[in-house]
């Protein structure tokens, strides 16, 4: 029986990121979707109600086109002291 290929865990630097539209967000780390195992970035707004959000990792690190120029959707402004890991990969089953 073939085991499905698990996606490789991406990395992200915890810190303050600026969205291309100008708002700042604090990235707390990575989490996974319970059904799809997709990697998601956990972050909170640094304005308004300081609410927490998740966004697919691939979308978070993607580029957007603004006025005909590509730029990162989120750009790291300041790395912060690393937070406790929110996601640890379990060791492979020795079977």
PDB file of N, CA and C in Angstrom:
ATOM      1  N   UNK A   1       0.840  -1.181   0.000  1.00  0.00           N
ATOM      2  CA  UNK A   1       0.000   0.000   0.000  1.00  0.00           C
ATOM      3  C   UNK A   1       0.881   1.239   0.000  1.00  0.00           C
ATOM      4  N   UNK A   2       0.591   2.168  -0.856  1.00  0.00           N
ATOM      5  CA  UNK A   2       1.378   3.391  -0.954  1.00  0.00           C
ATOM      6  C   UNK A   2       0.847   4.448  -0.011  1.00  0.00           C
ATOM      7  N   UNK A   3       1.766   5.059   0.725  1.00  0.00           N
ATOM      8  CA  UNK A   3       1.393   6.186   1.579  1.00  0.00           C
ATOM      9  C   UNK A   3       1.362   7.436   0.726  1.00  0.00           C
ATOM     10  N   UNK A   4       0.392   8.315   0.965  1.00  0.00           N
ATOM     11  CA  UNK A   4       0.384   9.575   0.212  1.00  0.00           C
ATOM     12  C   UNK A   4       1.622  10.396   0.557  1.00  0.00           C
ATOM     13  N   UNK A   5       2.090  11.142  -0.409  1.00  0.00           N
ATOM     14  CA  UNK A   5       3.253  11.996  -0.188  1.00  0.00           C
ATOM     15  C   UNK A   5       2.823  13.196   0.637  1.00  0.00           C
ATOM     16  N   UNK A   6       3.518  13.381   1.755  1.00  0.00           N
ATOM     17  CA  UNK A   6       3.198  14.515   2.617  1.00  0.00           C
ATOM     18  C   UNK A   6       3.956  15.739   2.123  1.00  0.00           C
ATOM     19  N   UNK A   7       3.298  16.891   2.120  1.00  0.00           N
ATOM     20  CA  UNK A   7       3.999  18.092   1.671  1.00  0.00           C
ATOM     21  C   UNK A   7       5.125  18.448   2.630  1.00  0.00           C
ATOM     22  N   UNK A   8       6.220  18.961   2.083  1.00  0.00           N
ATOM     23  CA  UNK A   8       7.346  19.386   2.901  1.00  0.00           C
ATOM     24  C   UNK A   8       6.960  20.649   3.661  1.00  0.00           C
ATOM     25  N   UNK A   9       7.359  20.703   4.936  1.00  0.00           N
ATOM     26  CA  UNK A   9       7.011  21.863   5.747  1.00  0.00           C
ATOM     27  C   UNK A   9       7.793  23.086   5.280  1.00  0.00           C
ATOM     28  N   UNK A  10       7.091  24.155   4.900  1.00  0.00           N
ATOM     29  CA  UNK A  10       7.779  25.393   4.523  1.00  0.00           C
ATOM     30  C   UNK A  10       8.263  26.118   5.777  1.00  0.00           C
ATOM     31  N   UNK A  11       9.008  27.171   5.582  1.00  0.00           N
ATOM     32  CA  UNK A  11       9.459  27.991   6.709  1.00  0.00           C
ATOM     33  C   UNK A  11       8.986  29.418   6.501  1.00  0.00           C
ATOM     34  N   UNK A  12       8.815  30.107   7.615  1.00  0.00           N
ATOM     35  CA  UNK A  12       8.476  31.522   7.568  1.00  0.00           C
ATOM     36  C   UNK A  12       9.110  32.184   8.778  1.00  0.00           C
ATOM     37  N   UNK A  13       9.619  33.380   8.598  1.00  0.00           N
ATOM     38  CA  UNK A  13      10.235  34.122   9.687  1.00  0.00           C
ATOM     39  C   UNK A  13       9.160  34.828  10.495  1.00  0.00           C
ATOM     40  N   UNK A  14       9.067  34.539  11.801  1.00  0.00           N
ATOM     41  CA  UNK A  14       8.122  35.293  12.629  1.00  0.00           C
ATOM     42  C   UNK A  14       8.525  36.764  12.641  1.00  0.00           C
ATOM     43  N   UNK A  15       7.553  37.640  12.603  1.00  0.00           N
ATOM     44  CA  UNK A  15       7.868  39.060  12.628  1.00  0.00           C
ATOM     45  C   UNK A  15       6.738  39.915  12.125  1.00  0.00           C
ATOM     46  N   UNK A  16       7.075  41.164  11.876  1.00  0.00           N
ATOM     47  CA  UNK A  16       6.118  42.145  11.388  1.00  0.00           C
ATOM     48  C   UNK A  16       6.234  42.205   9.865  1.00  0.00           C
ATOM     49  N   UNK A  17       5.111  42.037   9.196  1.00  0.00           N
ATOM     50  CA  UNK A  17       5.054  42.069   7.738  1.00  0.00           C
ATOM     51  C   UNK A  17       4.124  43.192   7.306  1.00  0.00           C
ATOM     52  N   UNK A  18       4.448  43.818   6.188  1.00  0.00           N
ATOM     53  CA  UNK A  18       3.583  44.845   5.616  1.00  0.00           C
ATOM     54  C   UNK A  18       2.910  44.279   4.370  1.00  0.00           C
ATOM     55  N   UNK A  19       1.596  44.360   4.349  1.00  0.00           N
ATOM     56  CA  UNK A  19       0.805  43.949   3.188  1.00  0.00           C
ATOM     57  C   UNK A  19       1.007  44.984   2.089  1.00  0.00           C
ATOM     58  N   UNK A  20       0.917  44.574   0.857  1.00  0.00           N
ATOM     59  CA  UNK A  20       1.157  45.508  -0.247  1.00  0.00           C
ATOM     60  C   UNK A  20       0.189  46.680  -0.243  1.00  0.00           C
ATOM     61  N   UNK A  21      -0.946  46.562   0.449  1.00  0.00           N
ATOM     62  CA  UNK A  21      -1.886  47.684   0.549  1.00  0.00           C
ATOM     63  C   UNK A  21      -1.560  48.606   1.714  1.00  0.00           C
ATOM     64  N   UNK A  22      -0.540  48.250   2.533  1.00  0.00           N
ATOM     65  CA  UNK A  22      -0.038  49.165   3.550  1.00  0.00           C
ATOM     66  C   UNK A  22      -0.233  48.800   5.003  1.00  0.00           C
ATOM     67  N   UNK A  23      -1.114  47.861   5.330  1.00  0.00           N
ATOM     68  CA  UNK A  23      -1.322  47.505   6.733  1.00  0.00           C
ATOM     69  C   UNK A  23      -0.248  46.551   7.231  1.00  0.00           C
ATOM     70  N   UNK A  24       0.021  46.600   8.544  1.00  0.00           N
ATOM     71  CA  UNK A  24       1.022  45.737   9.162  1.00  0.00           C
ATOM     72  C   UNK A  24       0.356  44.584   9.902  1.00  0.00           C
ATOM     73  N   UNK A  25       1.073  43.445   9.903  1.00  0.00           N
ATOM     74  CA  UNK A  25       0.584  42.213  10.517  1.00  0.00           C
ATOM     75  C   UNK A  25       1.733  41.542  11.244  1.00  0.00           C
ATOM     76  N   UNK A  26       1.421  40.832  12.313  1.00  0.00           N
ATOM     77  CA  UNK A  26       2.427  40.062  13.024  1.00  0.00           C
ATOM     78  C   UNK A  26       2.235  38.590  12.691  1.00  0.00           C
ATOM     79  N   UNK A  27       3.248  37.996  12.073  1.00  0.00           N
ATOM     80  CA  UNK A  27       3.210  36.574  11.756  1.00  0.00           C
ATOM     81  C   UNK A  27       3.653  35.805  12.989  1.00  0.00           C
ATOM     82  N   UNK A  28       2.796  34.863  13.410  1.00  0.00           N
ATOM     83  CA  UNK A  28       3.060  34.067  14.603  1.00  0.00           C
ATOM     84  C   UNK A  28       3.678  32.717  14.269  1.00  0.00           C
ATOM     85  N   UNK A  29       3.386  32.184  13.100  1.00  0.00           N
ATOM     86  CA  UNK A  29       3.951  30.899  12.715  1.00  0.00           C
ATOM     87  C   UNK A  29       3.090  30.183  11.704  1.00  0.00           C
ATOM     88  N   UNK A  30       3.349  28.872  11.591  1.00  0.00           N
ATOM     89  CA  UNK A  30       2.628  28.022  10.645  1.00  0.00           C
ATOM     90  C   UNK A  30       1.706  27.066  11.382  1.00  0.00           C
ATOM     91  N   UNK A  31       0.574  26.788  10.769  1.00  0.00           N
ATOM     92  CA  UNK A  31      -0.368  25.783  11.252  1.00  0.00           C
ATOM     93  C   UNK A  31      -0.800  24.955  10.046  1.00  0.00           C
ATOM     94  N   UNK A  32      -1.571  23.889  10.293  1.00  0.00           N
ATOM     95  CA  UNK A  32      -2.031  23.050   9.188  1.00  0.00           C
ATOM     96  C   UNK A  32      -3.538  22.899   9.214  1.00  0.00           C
ATOM     97  N   UNK A  33      -4.100  22.789   8.036  1.00  0.00           N
ATOM     98  CA  UNK A  33      -5.530  22.541   7.883  1.00  0.00           C
ATOM     99  C   UNK A  33      -5.804  21.089   8.283  1.00  0.00           C
ATOM    100  N   UNK A  34      -6.829  20.878   9.096  1.00  0.00           N
ATOM    101  CA  UNK A  34      -7.104  19.541   9.635  1.00  0.00           C
ATOM    102  C   UNK A  34      -7.536  18.526   8.577  1.00  0.00           C
ATOM    103  N   UNK A  35      -8.120  18.958   7.506  1.00  0.00           N
ATOM    104  CA  UNK A  35      -8.613  18.031   6.486  1.00  0.00           C
ATOM    105  C   UNK A  35      -7.653  17.873   5.315  1.00  0.00           C
ATOM    106  N   UNK A  36      -7.082  18.970   4.866  1.00  0.00           N
ATOM    107  CA  UNK A  36      -6.234  18.927   3.666  1.00  0.00           C
ATOM    108  C   UNK A  36      -4.746  18.859   3.981  1.00  0.00           C
ATOM    109  N   UNK A  37      -4.366  19.130   5.231  1.00  0.00           N
ATOM    110  CA  UNK A  37      -2.972  19.214   5.678  1.00  0.00           C
ATOM    111  C   UNK A  37      -2.211  20.356   5.005  1.00  0.00           C
ATOM    112  N   UNK A  38      -2.930  21.265   4.381  1.00  0.00           N
ATOM    113  CA  UNK A  38      -2.303  22.430   3.757  1.00  0.00           C
ATOM    114  C   UNK A  38      -1.665  23.305   4.835  1.00  0.00           C
ATOM    115  N   UNK A  39      -0.497  23.858   4.534  1.00  0.00           N
ATOM    116  CA  UNK A  39       0.169  24.773   5.461  1.00  0.00           C
ATOM    117  C   UNK A  39      -0.461  26.154   5.360  1.00  0.00           C
ATOM    118  N   UNK A  40      -0.713  26.741   6.515  1.00  0.00           N
ATOM    119  CA  UNK A  40      -1.330  28.059   6.618  1.00  0.00           C
ATOM    120  C   UNK A  40      -0.453  28.946   7.484  1.00  0.00           C
ATOM    121  N   UNK A  41      -0.410  30.235   7.167  1.00  0.00           N
ATOM    122  CA  UNK A  41       0.305  31.212   7.986  1.00  0.00           C
ATOM    123  C   UNK A  41      -0.692  31.782   8.990  1.00  0.00           C
ATOM    124  N   UNK A  42      -0.318  31.739  10.272  1.00  0.00           N
ATOM    125  CA  UNK A  42      -1.134  32.316  11.340  1.00  0.00           C
ATOM    126  C   UNK A  42      -0.586  33.705  11.632  1.00  0.00           C
ATOM    127  N   UNK A  43      -1.454  34.713  11.528  1.00  0.00           N
ATOM    128  CA  UNK A  43      -1.012  36.085  11.759  1.00  0.00           C
ATOM    129  C   UNK A  43      -2.133  36.900  12.374  1.00  0.00           C
ATOM    130  N   UNK A  44      -1.763  38.054  12.925  1.00  0.00           N
ATOM    131  CA  UNK A  44      -2.787  38.933  13.492  1.00  0.00           C
ATOM    132  C   UNK A  44      -2.586  40.343  12.975  1.00  0.00           C
ATOM    133  N   UNK A  45      -3.695  41.054  12.912  1.00  0.00           N
ATOM    134  CA  UNK A  45      -3.642  42.440  12.461  1.00  0.00           C
ATOM    135  C   UNK A  45      -2.991  43.294  13.537  1.00  0.00           C
ATOM    136  N   UNK A  46      -2.286  44.322  13.133  1.00  0.00           N
ATOM    137  CA  UNK A  46      -1.696  45.277  14.080  1.00  0.00           C
ATOM    138  C   UNK A  46      -2.439  46.601  13.995  1.00  0.00           C
ATOM    139  N   UNK A  47      -3.731  46.501  13.805  1.00  0.00           N
ATOM    140  CA  UNK A  47      -4.621  47.659  13.732  1.00  0.00           C
ATOM    141  C   UNK A  47      -6.022  47.165  14.084  1.00  0.00           C
ATOM    142  N   UNK A  48      -6.933  48.071  14.296  1.00  0.00           N
ATOM    143  CA  UNK A  48      -8.328  47.694  14.557  1.00  0.00           C
ATOM    144  C   UNK A  48      -8.470  46.819  15.785  1.00  0.00           C
ATOM    145  N   UNK A  49      -9.100  45.665  15.607  1.00  0.00           N
ATOM    146  CA  UNK A  49      -9.364  44.781  16.747  1.00  0.00           C
ATOM    147  C   UNK A  49      -8.256  43.756  17.001  1.00  0.00           C
ATOM    148  N   UNK A  50      -7.145  43.842  16.270  1.00  0.00           N
ATOM    149  CA  UNK A  50      -6.000  42.933  16.432  1.00  0.00           C
ATOM    150  C   UNK A  50      -6.430  41.472  16.303  1.00  0.00           C
ATOM    151  N   UNK A  51      -7.322  41.212  15.375  1.00  0.00           N
ATOM    152  CA  UNK A  51      -7.855  39.865  15.189  1.00  0.00           C
ATOM    153  C   UNK A  51      -6.822  38.938  14.552  1.00  0.00           C
ATOM    154  N   UNK A  52      -7.011  37.652  14.774  1.00  0.00           N
ATOM    155  CA  UNK A  52      -6.128  36.619  14.224  1.00  0.00           C
ATOM    156  C   UNK A  52      -6.725  36.048  12.947  1.00  0.00           C
ATOM    157  N   UNK A  53      -5.833  35.702  12.008  1.00  0.00           N
ATOM    158  CA  UNK A  53      -6.246  35.186  10.710  1.00  0.00           C
ATOM    159  C   UNK A  53      -5.304  34.073  10.279  1.00  0.00           C
ATOM    160  N   UNK A  54      -5.749  33.280   9.315  1.00  0.00           N
ATOM    161  CA  UNK A  54      -4.866  32.337   8.627  1.00  0.00           C
ATOM    162  C   UNK A  54      -5.028  32.548   7.132  1.00  0.00           C
ATOM    163  N   UNK A  55      -3.951  32.280   6.424  1.00  0.00           N
ATOM    164  CA  UNK A  55      -3.963  32.395   4.961  1.00  0.00           C
ATOM    165  C   UNK A  55      -3.077  31.265   4.438  1.00  0.00           C
ATOM    166  N   UNK A  56      -3.451  30.637   3.334  1.00  0.00           N
ATOM    167  CA  UNK A  56      -2.587  29.598   2.780  1.00  0.00           C
ATOM    168  C   UNK A  56      -1.162  30.130   2.582  1.00  0.00           C
ATOM    169  N   UNK A  57      -0.185  29.300   2.977  1.00  0.00           N
ATOM    170  CA  UNK A  57       1.216  29.699   2.864  1.00  0.00           C
ATOM    171  C   UNK A  57       1.538  30.152   1.444  1.00  0.00           C
ATOM    172  N   UNK A  58       1.100  29.376   0.460  1.00  0.00           N
ATOM    173  CA  UNK A  58       1.420  29.710  -0.936  1.00  0.00           C
ATOM    174  C   UNK A  58       0.883  31.082  -1.320  1.00  0.00           C
ATOM    175  N   UNK A  59      -0.263  31.441  -0.786  1.00  0.00           N
ATOM    176  CA  UNK A  59      -0.851  32.751  -1.077  1.00  0.00           C
ATOM    177  C   UNK A  59      -0.117  33.861  -0.315  1.00  0.00           C
ATOM    178  N   UNK A  60       0.303  33.570   0.911  1.00  0.00           N
ATOM    179  CA  UNK A  60       1.005  34.564   1.726  1.00  0.00           C
ATOM    180  C   UNK A  60       2.320  34.983   1.066  1.00  0.00           C
ATOM    181  N   UNK A  61       3.062  34.019   0.529  1.00  0.00           N
ATOM    182  CA  UNK A  61       4.381  34.318  -0.046  1.00  0.00           C
ATOM    183  C   UNK A  61       4.319  34.645  -1.536  1.00  0.00           C
ATOM    184  N   UNK A  62       3.128  34.633  -2.110  1.00  0.00           N
ATOM    185  CA  UNK A  62       2.953  34.899  -3.534  1.00  0.00           C
ATOM    186  C   UNK A  62       3.199  36.373  -3.862  1.00  0.00           C
ATOM    187  N   UNK A  63       3.364  36.639  -5.135  1.00  0.00           N
ATOM    188  CA  UNK A  63       3.496  38.017  -5.603  1.00  0.00           C
ATOM    189  C   UNK A  63       2.170  38.488  -6.186  1.00  0.00           C
ATOM    190  N   UNK A  64       1.970  39.796  -6.130  1.00  0.00           N
ATOM    191  CA  UNK A  64       0.792  40.422  -6.727  1.00  0.00           C
ATOM    192  C   UNK A  64       1.272  41.471  -7.716  1.00  0.00           C
ATOM    193  N   UNK A  65       0.420  41.792  -8.675  1.00  0.00           N
ATOM    194  CA  UNK A  65       0.774  42.822  -9.648  1.00  0.00           C
ATOM    195  C   UNK A  65       0.061  44.116  -9.287  1.00  0.00           C
ATOM    196  N   UNK A  66       0.852  45.176  -9.126  1.00  0.00           N
ATOM    197  CA  UNK A  66       0.319  46.495  -8.800  1.00  0.00           C
ATOM    198  C   UNK A  66       0.876  47.476  -9.820  1.00  0.00           C
ATOM    199  N   UNK A  67      -0.001  48.137 -10.547  1.00  0.00           N
ATOM    200  CA  UNK A  67       0.408  49.104 -11.572  1.00  0.00           C
ATOM    201  C   UNK A  67       1.424  48.510 -12.543  1.00  0.00           C
ATOM    202  N   UNK A  68       1.207  47.249 -12.919  1.00  0.00           N
ATOM    203  CA  UNK A  68       2.075  46.594 -13.890  1.00  0.00           C
ATOM    204  C   UNK A  68       3.375  46.056 -13.333  1.00  0.00           C
ATOM    205  N   UNK A  69       3.603  46.156 -12.022  1.00  0.00           N
ATOM    206  CA  UNK A  69       4.836  45.676 -11.393  1.00  0.00           C
ATOM    207  C   UNK A  69       4.506  44.586 -10.382  1.00  0.00           C
ATOM    208  N   UNK A  70       5.289  43.505 -10.405  1.00  0.00           N
ATOM    209  CA  UNK A  70       5.102  42.438  -9.429  1.00  0.00           C
ATOM    210  C   UNK A  70       5.833  42.791  -8.143  1.00  0.00           C
ATOM    211  N   UNK A  71       5.176  42.474  -7.026  1.00  0.00           N
ATOM    212  CA  UNK A  71       5.789  42.692  -5.717  1.00  0.00           C
ATOM    213  C   UNK A  71       5.227  41.665  -4.747  1.00  0.00           C
ATOM    214  N   UNK A  72       5.924  41.420  -3.638  1.00  0.00           N
ATOM    215  CA  UNK A  72       5.408  40.453  -2.668  1.00  0.00           C
ATOM    216  C   UNK A  72       4.081  40.925  -2.077  1.00  0.00           C
ATOM    217  N   UNK A  73       3.183  39.973  -1.833  1.00  0.00           N
ATOM    218  CA  UNK A  73       1.921  40.298  -1.167  1.00  0.00           C
ATOM    219  C   UNK A  73       2.220  40.819   0.245  1.00  0.00           C
ATOM    220  N   UNK A  74       3.143  40.166   0.951  1.00  0.00           N
ATOM    221  CA  UNK A  74       3.581  40.583   2.280  1.00  0.00           C
ATOM    222  C   UNK A  74       5.096  40.702   2.259  1.00  0.00           C
ATOM    223  N   UNK A  75       5.616  41.757   2.859  1.00  0.00           N
ATOM    224  CA  UNK A  75       7.065  41.977   2.909  1.00  0.00           C
ATOM    225  C   UNK A  75       7.495  42.083   4.371  1.00  0.00           C
ATOM    226  N   UNK A  76       8.512  41.293   4.740  1.00  0.00           N
ATOM    227  CA  UNK A  76       9.028  41.315   6.107  1.00  0.00           C
ATOM    228  C   UNK A  76       9.604  42.688   6.420  1.00  0.00           C
ATOM    229  N   UNK A  77       9.130  43.296   7.503  1.00  0.00           N
ATOM    230  CA  UNK A  77       9.624  44.596   7.947  1.00  0.00           C
ATOM    231  C   UNK A  77      10.620  44.441   9.086  1.00  0.00           C
ATOM    232  N   UNK A  78      10.313  43.518   9.985  1.00  0.00           N
ATOM    233  CA  UNK A  78      11.157  43.329  11.163  1.00  0.00           C
ATOM    234  C   UNK A  78      10.968  41.914  11.688  1.00  0.00           C
ATOM    235  N   UNK A  79      12.065  41.164  11.728  1.00  0.00           N
ATOM    236  CA  UNK A  79      12.001  39.834  12.326  1.00  0.00           C
ATOM    237  C   UNK A  79      11.908  40.003  13.837  1.00  0.00           C
ATOM    238  N   UNK A  80      11.108  39.170  14.462  1.00  0.00           N
ATOM    239  CA  UNK A  80      10.979  39.220  15.916  1.00  0.00           C
ATOM    240  C   UNK A  80      11.616  37.982  16.503  1.00  0.00           C
ATOM    241  N   UNK A  81      11.830  38.040  17.804  1.00  0.00           N
ATOM    242  CA  UNK A  81      12.371  36.881  18.486  1.00  0.00           C
ATOM    243  C   UNK A  81      11.472  35.703  18.162  1.00  0.00           C
ATOM    244  N   UNK A  82      12.076  34.591  17.846  1.00  0.00           N
ATOM    245  CA  UNK A  82      11.281  33.444  17.400  1.00  0.00           C
ATOM    246  C   UNK A  82      10.287  33.028  18.466  1.00  0.00           C
ATOM    247  N   UNK A  83       9.062  32.834  18.043  1.00  0.00           N
ATOM    248  CA  UNK A  83       8.019  32.371  18.953  1.00  0.00           C
ATOM    249  C   UNK A  83       8.133  30.861  19.110  1.00  0.00           C
ATOM    250  N   UNK A  84       7.513  30.334  20.127  1.00  0.00           N
ATOM    251  CA  UNK A  84       7.496  28.888  20.310  1.00  0.00           C
ATOM    252  C   UNK A  84       6.874  28.249  19.076  1.00  0.00           C
ATOM    253  N   UNK A  85       7.432  27.131  18.622  1.00  0.00           N
ATOM    254  CA  UNK A  85       6.869  26.493  17.434  1.00  0.00           C
ATOM    255  C   UNK A  85       5.395  26.163  17.621  1.00  0.00           C
ATOM    256  N   UNK A  86       4.603  26.516  16.647  1.00  0.00           N
ATOM    257  CA  UNK A  86       3.187  26.186  16.663  1.00  0.00           C
ATOM    258  C   UNK A  86       2.944  24.873  15.933  1.00  0.00           C
ATOM    259  N   UNK A  87       3.949  24.426  15.217  1.00  0.00           N
ATOM    260  CA  UNK A  87       3.802  23.229  14.401  1.00  0.00           C
ATOM    261  C   UNK A  87       5.106  22.452  14.461  1.00  0.00           C
ATOM    262  N   UNK A  88       5.040  21.238  14.935  1.00  0.00           N
ATOM    263  CA  UNK A  88       6.207  20.367  14.941  1.00  0.00           C
ATOM    264  C   UNK A  88       5.879  19.158  14.089  1.00  0.00           C
ATOM    265  N   UNK A  89       6.843  18.731  13.321  1.00  0.00           N
ATOM    266  CA  UNK A  89       6.638  17.563  12.484  1.00  0.00           C
ATOM    267  C   UNK A  89       6.972  16.334  13.315  1.00  0.00           C
ATOM    268  N   UNK A  90       6.060  15.380  13.348  1.00  0.00           N
ATOM    269  CA  UNK A  90       6.277  14.148  14.095  1.00  0.00           C
ATOM    270  C   UNK A  90       7.311  13.295  13.375  1.00  0.00           C
ATOM    271  N   UNK A  91       8.119  12.569  14.136  1.00  0.00           N
ATOM    272  CA  UNK A  91       9.083  11.679  13.477  1.00  0.00           C
ATOM    273  C   UNK A  91       8.344  10.603  12.690  1.00  0.00           C
ATOM    274  N   UNK A  92       9.004  10.099  11.684  1.00  0.00           N
ATOM    275  CA  UNK A  92       8.405   9.054  10.857  1.00  0.00           C
ATOM    276  C   UNK A  92       8.161   7.809  11.695  1.00  0.00           C
ATOM    277  N   UNK A  93       7.081   7.120  11.406  1.00  0.00           N
ATOM    278  CA  UNK A  93       6.757   5.871  12.079  1.00  0.00           C
ATOM    279  C   UNK A  93       7.774   4.823  11.638  1.00  0.00           C
ATOM    280  N   UNK A  94       8.448   4.157  12.583  1.00  0.00           N
ATOM    281  CA  UNK A  94       9.520   3.226  12.202  1.00  0.00           C
ATOM    282  C   UNK A  94       9.029   1.916  11.597  1.00  0.00           C
ATOM    283  N   UNK A  95       7.758   1.774  11.321  1.00  0.00           N
ATOM    284  CA  UNK A  95       7.255   0.508  10.762  1.00  0.00           C
ATOM    285  C   UNK A  95       7.787   0.252   9.414  1.00  0.00           C
TER     286      UNK A  95
END
